[in-house]
Amino acid sequence: MLSKRLPGVFLKRTAAGLAALAIGVAGLGALAWAMRVSPMVSELTTSGAGSTARIEVGNIGNAPLPFETVMTRMELDANGNVTEVPADENFLVFPPQGIVAVGGRQVVRVQWVGDRELPASHAYYLWVRQLPVQTTIEPNDTGGSAALQVLYTMKALIVVAPEGAQPDVKVASIHAVQLEQPRPAAEDGTPGATHGIAVTVTNEGRRYALMSGANWQVEGTDMSGNAFARLYTPEEISGAVGVGYLPPLGGRRTFTLPTEVALDPSKPINIRFTR
């Protein structure tokens, strides 16, 4: 069980974690060589100077880049599945469309115009979509004609949080499980894990939490009656569960971690989060 609340732990490595979330969850533009969007992550407040972000769209292709922008709100369920809903009404985006010359850049200003008394942090995506342009159709060897356009899309993560908001993460349950997909063997020949634990956590705070921002200290008893203790580093957690984005205000997710041995389900399993 969680012995105390550690809100600061889950803000550790926030920029890197959110960048990984932006790339991992919204990887539509990961290979978009003709377009560059920077920064991939912006954190906004609900009012004041911090309520505006400047997103730069760069054209690194060999033709003019027409684009349009769309805002969506990101929602995650307990299993980490992402859904998005339209959210243009909460932002003022200027320009909403544009054309970037070859080698050029266009700054897009994204301003929060939604509720200034936002109860908790919300995560959004700024979609930058390349628009089709008129092309000249060239005849092919068979006498017909064809034209092919590859259109690119990239997404930047925008997180809006009330001033002073903090996460409040608690462990709801822990139990031993058999892994449905055993972990592969390590390069040194160490067998892959077939056992693990399922950890369900909740966040009653007003700010999101990144579960990969902490060390996870797991303690229990194996099936032979021996004490089990394992410290999972943030890098190991990231490899097992990703960034572990946990929404605020009752957000709930279950994460599965591999263990080297089977733990006794009849004995207590404890977990602590530390820096």
Protein backbone atom coordinates (compact mmCIF):
# COMPACT_ATOMS: atom_id res chain seq x y z
CA MET A 1 0.00 0.00 0.00
CA LEU A 2 1.08 3.60 -0.46
CA SER A 3 2.45 4.84 2.84
CA LYS A 4 2.11 8.54 2.06
CA ARG A 5 1.24 10.96 -0.70
CA LEU A 6 4.17 11.99 -2.86
CA PRO A 7 2.83 14.51 -5.39
CA GLY A 8 6.25 15.86 -6.31
CA VAL A 9 7.48 12.45 -7.39
CA PHE A 10 5.01 12.28 -10.22
CA LEU A 11 6.05 15.65 -11.63
CA LYS A 12 9.66 14.48 -11.97
CA ARG A 13 10.89 14.42 -15.58
CA THR A 14 7.60 15.95 -16.68
CA ALA A 15 8.86 17.53 -19.90
CA ALA A 16 10.61 14.37 -21.06
CA GLY A 17 7.65 12.21 -20.09
CA LEU A 18 5.11 14.36 -21.87
CA ALA A 19 7.31 14.52 -24.93
CA ALA A 20 7.38 10.73 -24.96
CA LEU A 21 3.60 10.71 -24.62
CA ALA A 22 3.24 13.15 -27.49
CA ILE A 23 5.43 11.00 -29.72
CA GLY A 24 4.25 7.60 -28.52
CA VAL A 25 0.51 8.21 -28.42
CA ALA A 26 0.40 10.67 -31.28
CA GLY A 27 3.06 9.28 -33.54
CA LEU A 28 1.31 10.09 -36.80
CA GLY A 29 4.08 12.55 -37.63
CA ALA A 30 7.05 10.56 -36.39
CA LEU A 31 8.29 9.97 -39.94
CA ALA A 32 6.93 13.15 -41.48
CA TRP A 33 10.13 14.34 -43.16
CA ALA A 34 8.41 17.22 -44.98
CA MET A 35 7.07 18.85 -41.81
CA ARG A 36 8.50 19.78 -38.44
CA VAL A 37 6.49 20.91 -35.40
CA SER A 38 8.19 22.38 -32.33
CA PRO A 39 7.83 22.21 -29.41
CA MET A 40 6.04 18.87 -29.23
CA VAL A 41 4.84 19.65 -25.69
CA SER A 42 3.50 22.86 -24.13
CA GLU A 43 2.05 23.44 -20.66
CA LEU A 44 -0.40 26.32 -20.26
CA THR A 45 -2.11 28.06 -17.37
CA THR A 46 -5.74 29.12 -17.54
CA SER A 47 -4.98 32.87 -17.50
CA GLY A 48 -2.19 35.40 -17.86
CA ALA A 49 0.94 35.20 -19.96
CA GLY A 50 1.21 31.46 -19.41
CA SER A 51 -2.09 30.81 -21.21
CA THR A 52 -0.50 31.12 -24.66
CA ALA A 53 1.86 28.78 -26.52
CA ARG A 54 3.84 29.42 -29.69
CA ILE A 55 4.09 26.38 -31.94
CA GLU A 56 6.44 26.53 -34.91
CA VAL A 57 5.59 24.69 -38.14
CA GLY A 58 8.63 24.18 -40.35
CA ASN A 59 8.79 23.07 -43.97
CA ILE A 60 11.79 20.82 -44.60
CA GLY A 61 10.38 19.43 -47.84
CA ASN A 62 10.93 20.57 -51.42
CA ALA A 63 7.52 22.16 -52.09
CA PRO A 64 5.31 24.79 -50.39
CA LEU A 65 3.46 23.35 -47.37
CA PRO A 66 -0.20 24.34 -46.95
CA PHE A 67 -1.61 23.30 -43.56
CA GLU A 68 -4.59 23.57 -41.25
CA THR A 69 -4.91 23.15 -37.46
CA VAL A 70 -7.46 21.31 -35.33
CA MET A 71 -7.70 21.04 -31.53
CA THR A 72 -8.88 17.88 -29.76
CA ARG A 73 -9.14 16.88 -26.12
CA MET A 74 -7.41 13.63 -25.10
CA GLU A 75 -9.14 11.14 -22.83
CA LEU A 76 -7.62 7.93 -21.43
CA ASP A 77 -9.54 5.01 -19.97
CA ALA A 78 -8.29 2.69 -17.21
CA ASN A 79 -6.49 0.53 -19.80
CA GLY A 80 -4.67 3.47 -21.38
CA ASN A 81 -6.80 3.55 -24.53
CA VAL A 82 -6.90 7.05 -26.03
CA THR A 83 -9.99 8.77 -27.43
CA GLU A 84 -10.19 12.32 -28.75
CA VAL A 85 -13.08 14.77 -28.99
CA PRO A 86 -13.19 18.16 -30.77
CA ALA A 87 -12.05 21.08 -28.60
CA ASP A 88 -11.61 24.03 -30.96
CA GLU A 89 -13.97 26.15 -28.85
CA ASN A 90 -11.49 26.19 -25.94
CA PHE A 91 -8.63 27.74 -27.91
CA LEU A 92 -7.87 30.69 -30.13
CA VAL A 93 -5.47 29.42 -32.79
CA PHE A 94 -3.88 31.94 -35.17
CA PRO A 95 -3.41 31.42 -37.99
CA PRO A 96 -5.72 28.40 -38.23
CA GLN A 97 -4.40 27.80 -41.75
CA GLY A 98 -1.31 28.82 -43.63
CA ILE A 99 1.29 28.08 -46.28
CA VAL A 100 4.93 27.60 -45.34
CA ALA A 101 7.51 28.22 -48.04
CA VAL A 102 10.28 25.72 -48.70
CA GLY A 103 12.78 26.04 -45.85
CA GLY A 104 10.46 28.46 -44.07
CA ARG A 105 8.71 28.55 -40.71
CA GLN A 106 5.28 29.66 -39.49
CA VAL A 107 4.56 30.40 -35.83
CA VAL A 108 1.09 29.30 -34.71
CA ARG A 109 -0.22 31.04 -31.59
CA VAL A 110 -2.38 28.80 -29.37
CA GLN A 111 -4.26 30.61 -26.58
CA TRP A 112 -6.51 29.07 -23.94
CA VAL A 113 -9.92 30.81 -23.95
CA GLY A 114 -11.81 28.15 -22.01
CA ASP A 115 -12.83 28.13 -18.36
CA ARG A 116 -10.45 30.19 -16.21
CA GLU A 117 -11.64 28.24 -13.17
CA LEU A 118 -10.72 24.91 -14.67
CA PRO A 119 -11.22 22.27 -11.95
CA ALA A 120 -8.26 20.13 -13.05
CA SER A 121 -5.62 19.75 -15.74
CA HIS A 122 -6.72 18.69 -19.21
CA ALA A 123 -4.64 17.28 -22.07
CA TYR A 124 -5.19 18.41 -25.66
CA TYR A 125 -3.64 17.86 -29.06
CA LEU A 126 -2.93 20.49 -31.68
CA TRP A 127 -3.21 18.69 -35.02
CA VAL A 128 -1.19 20.17 -37.87
CA ARG A 129 -2.44 18.67 -41.13
CA GLN A 130 -0.90 19.17 -44.54
CA LEU A 131 -3.52 20.10 -47.11
CA PRO A 132 -3.64 18.70 -50.66
CA VAL A 133 -2.59 20.97 -53.52
CA GLN A 134 -3.31 20.92 -57.23
CA THR A 135 -0.78 18.77 -59.08
CA THR A 136 0.09 18.29 -62.74
CA ILE A 137 -0.81 14.76 -63.86
CA GLU A 138 1.86 13.20 -66.04
CA PRO A 139 1.10 10.40 -68.57
CA ASN A 140 2.58 7.01 -67.70
CA ASP A 141 4.03 4.28 -69.91
CA THR A 142 0.62 2.70 -70.60
CA GLY A 143 -0.88 5.90 -71.91
CA GLY A 144 -2.85 6.57 -68.74
CA SER A 145 -2.07 9.10 -66.06
CA ALA A 146 -1.60 9.02 -62.32
CA ALA A 147 -0.71 11.36 -59.48
CA LEU A 148 0.29 10.56 -55.91
CA GLN A 149 0.38 12.95 -52.98
CA VAL A 150 1.68 12.05 -49.53
CA LEU A 151 0.07 14.25 -46.88
CA TYR A 152 1.59 14.54 -43.43
CA THR A 153 0.01 15.07 -40.02
CA MET A 154 1.73 15.90 -36.73
CA LYS A 155 0.32 16.44 -33.26
CA ALA A 156 1.67 18.61 -30.46
CA LEU A 157 0.56 17.95 -26.89
CA ILE A 158 -0.97 20.92 -25.02
CA VAL A 159 -1.62 20.49 -21.29
CA VAL A 160 -3.70 23.12 -19.50
CA ALA A 161 -3.52 23.13 -15.69
CA PRO A 162 -4.91 25.41 -12.96
CA GLU A 163 -2.34 27.38 -10.97
CA GLY A 164 -0.93 25.35 -8.08
CA ALA A 165 -2.63 22.09 -9.05
CA GLN A 166 -0.91 18.91 -7.80
CA PRO A 167 -1.48 15.17 -8.30
CA ASP A 168 -2.61 12.95 -5.40
CA VAL A 169 -1.74 9.36 -6.30
CA LYS A 170 -2.87 6.37 -4.24
CA VAL A 171 -2.65 2.63 -4.72
CA ALA A 172 -6.09 1.05 -5.01
CA SER A 173 -4.99 -2.58 -5.32
CA ILE A 174 -2.03 -4.87 -6.01
CA HIS A 175 -2.15 -8.56 -6.88
CA ALA A 176 0.04 -11.21 -8.46
CA VAL A 177 -0.71 -12.18 -12.06
CA GLN A 178 0.49 -14.53 -14.77
CA LEU A 179 1.67 -12.48 -17.72
CA GLU A 180 -0.45 -13.01 -20.83
CA GLN A 181 2.57 -12.14 -22.97
CA PRO A 182 5.78 -13.34 -21.29
CA ARG A 183 8.65 -10.90 -21.45
CA PRO A 184 11.42 -11.92 -23.90
CA ALA A 185 14.76 -13.19 -22.64
CA ALA A 186 17.49 -10.64 -22.02
CA GLU A 187 20.58 -10.34 -24.19
CA ASP A 188 22.67 -12.06 -21.49
CA GLY A 189 20.46 -15.14 -21.70
CA THR A 190 18.38 -14.42 -18.60
CA PRO A 191 14.96 -16.05 -19.11
CA GLY A 192 12.05 -13.73 -19.77
CA ALA A 193 9.58 -13.07 -16.97
CA THR A 194 6.29 -14.99 -16.97
CA HIS A 195 5.05 -13.66 -13.63
CA GLY A 196 4.14 -10.18 -12.56
CA ILE A 197 1.94 -7.88 -10.51
CA ALA A 198 -1.02 -5.74 -11.51
CA VAL A 199 -1.04 -2.37 -9.76
CA THR A 200 -4.15 -0.18 -9.88
CA VAL A 201 -3.59 3.47 -8.98
CA THR A 202 -5.91 6.45 -8.70
CA ASN A 203 -5.29 10.19 -8.84
CA GLU A 204 -7.61 12.38 -6.77
CA GLY A 205 -5.51 15.48 -7.36
CA ARG A 206 -6.18 18.34 -9.77
CA ARG A 207 -3.09 17.69 -11.91
CA TYR A 208 -2.13 14.71 -14.04
CA ALA A 209 0.59 12.33 -12.81
CA LEU A 210 3.33 10.54 -14.73
CA MET A 211 3.89 7.17 -13.09
CA SER A 212 7.22 6.71 -14.87
CA GLY A 213 8.59 9.69 -12.91
CA ALA A 214 9.22 7.63 -9.76
CA ASN A 215 11.08 4.60 -8.46
CA TRP A 216 8.69 1.77 -7.58
CA GLN A 217 9.78 -0.27 -4.54
CA VAL A 218 7.87 -3.58 -4.55
CA GLU A 219 7.95 -6.00 -1.61
CA GLY A 220 6.20 -9.33 -1.14
CA THR A 221 6.72 -13.04 -0.60
CA ASP A 222 7.46 -15.64 -3.26
CA MET A 223 5.84 -19.06 -3.47
CA SER A 224 8.73 -20.62 -1.52
CA GLY A 225 8.12 -18.28 1.41
CA ASN A 226 11.16 -16.13 0.72
CA ALA A 227 11.02 -12.35 0.96
CA PHE A 228 10.88 -10.55 -2.38
CA ALA A 229 12.13 -6.98 -2.79
CA ARG A 230 12.59 -5.23 -6.13
CA LEU A 231 13.35 -1.60 -6.96
CA TYR A 232 12.09 -0.55 -10.41
CA THR A 233 13.83 2.56 -11.75
CA PRO A 234 11.97 5.18 -13.81
CA GLU A 235 13.65 3.78 -16.92
CA GLU A 236 12.36 0.28 -16.14
CA ILE A 237 8.87 1.60 -15.44
CA SER A 238 8.91 3.51 -18.71
CA GLY A 239 9.92 0.35 -20.55
CA ALA A 240 7.14 -1.65 -18.91
CA VAL A 241 4.19 0.78 -18.92
CA GLY A 242 5.25 3.79 -21.02
CA VAL A 243 5.04 7.22 -19.42
CA GLY A 244 2.11 6.06 -17.27
CA TYR A 245 -0.09 9.10 -17.82
CA LEU A 246 -2.70 9.20 -15.02
CA PRO A 247 -5.55 11.72 -15.43
CA PRO A 248 -6.67 13.91 -12.50
CA LEU A 249 -9.92 13.98 -10.49
CA GLY A 250 -10.42 10.26 -10.03
CA GLY A 251 -8.26 9.04 -12.90
CA ARG A 252 -7.71 5.31 -12.56
CA ARG A 253 -5.32 2.99 -14.40
CA THR A 254 -3.93 -0.51 -13.97
CA PHE A 255 -0.27 -1.20 -14.79
CA THR A 256 1.41 -4.61 -15.06
CA LEU A 257 5.02 -5.12 -14.03
CA PRO A 258 7.06 -8.31 -14.57
CA THR A 259 8.67 -10.07 -11.60
CA GLU A 260 11.47 -12.63 -11.73
CA VAL A 261 9.50 -15.07 -9.54
CA ALA A 262 5.87 -15.85 -8.81
CA LEU A 263 4.59 -14.00 -5.75
CA ASP A 264 2.30 -15.65 -3.22
CA PRO A 265 -1.17 -14.14 -3.80
CA SER A 266 -2.19 -14.98 -0.22
CA LYS A 267 0.55 -12.75 1.24
CA PRO A 268 0.60 -8.93 1.27
CA ILE A 269 2.30 -7.12 -1.62
CA ASN A 270 3.41 -3.58 -0.82
CA ILE A 271 4.61 -0.77 -3.02
CA ARG A 272 6.21 2.60 -2.35
CA PHE A 273 6.95 5.42 -4.79
CA THR A 274 10.16 7.36 -4.21
CA ARG A 275 12.56 9.66 -6.02
